[in-house]
């Protein structure tokens, strides 16, 4: 895992790649995710450099055409499930995660898992991954009914904000007849299991 100073040295190159590869509206979103992540880092005592790397990398390949995403996945020898073959845009997170390892030798599990699963969430995400999922959903360019409450919650409790963001993803997908990613369902079920056992423990104290 690179030291913070090493990670900091890659940020200018990442910023340049973002400018070259994404559309202007995507660039604005990435800047929004970066700013919100850094604000959360101050409140929750997290390493801002790690969050900078994650925010800059998460949508690096989001605007590439489907055929390019598939070709990159093959070049990186990534497993491409049937769902991802049908919807190649889902590859942008796994590709960005793999790119960080290939290009910058990053082995930091928190960074790599967070970038890989920023769209869906994942049961094994740590605080850095959760910050990225939250910031991706509630950065100040986002505008939907519950976003202000989610922003406030993020500065109070990462765990509660993360669970509510996952809940919102599920509700939005169901209401709009969209795909629910398997990792999102696993994340929700994992949180419900933890919550259930915690409640049972309290009940029998």
Foldseek 3Di string as FASTA:
>chain_A
DDDLVLLQVCLVVLLVLQVVQDDPVVNVLLVLLLVLLQVLCVLVVHDSSLLSLLSSQQCSNLPPDQVVLVVLCVVLVHDQDPVCNVPVSLSSQLSSLSCCCVPSVDPPPQSSVLSNCLPQDAQPHDLSSLSSVLSSAQGPVDDDDCNVVLSVVSSVDSVVSSLVSLVVVVVVCVVVVHDRDPRSVNNNVSVVVVVVVVVVVVVVD
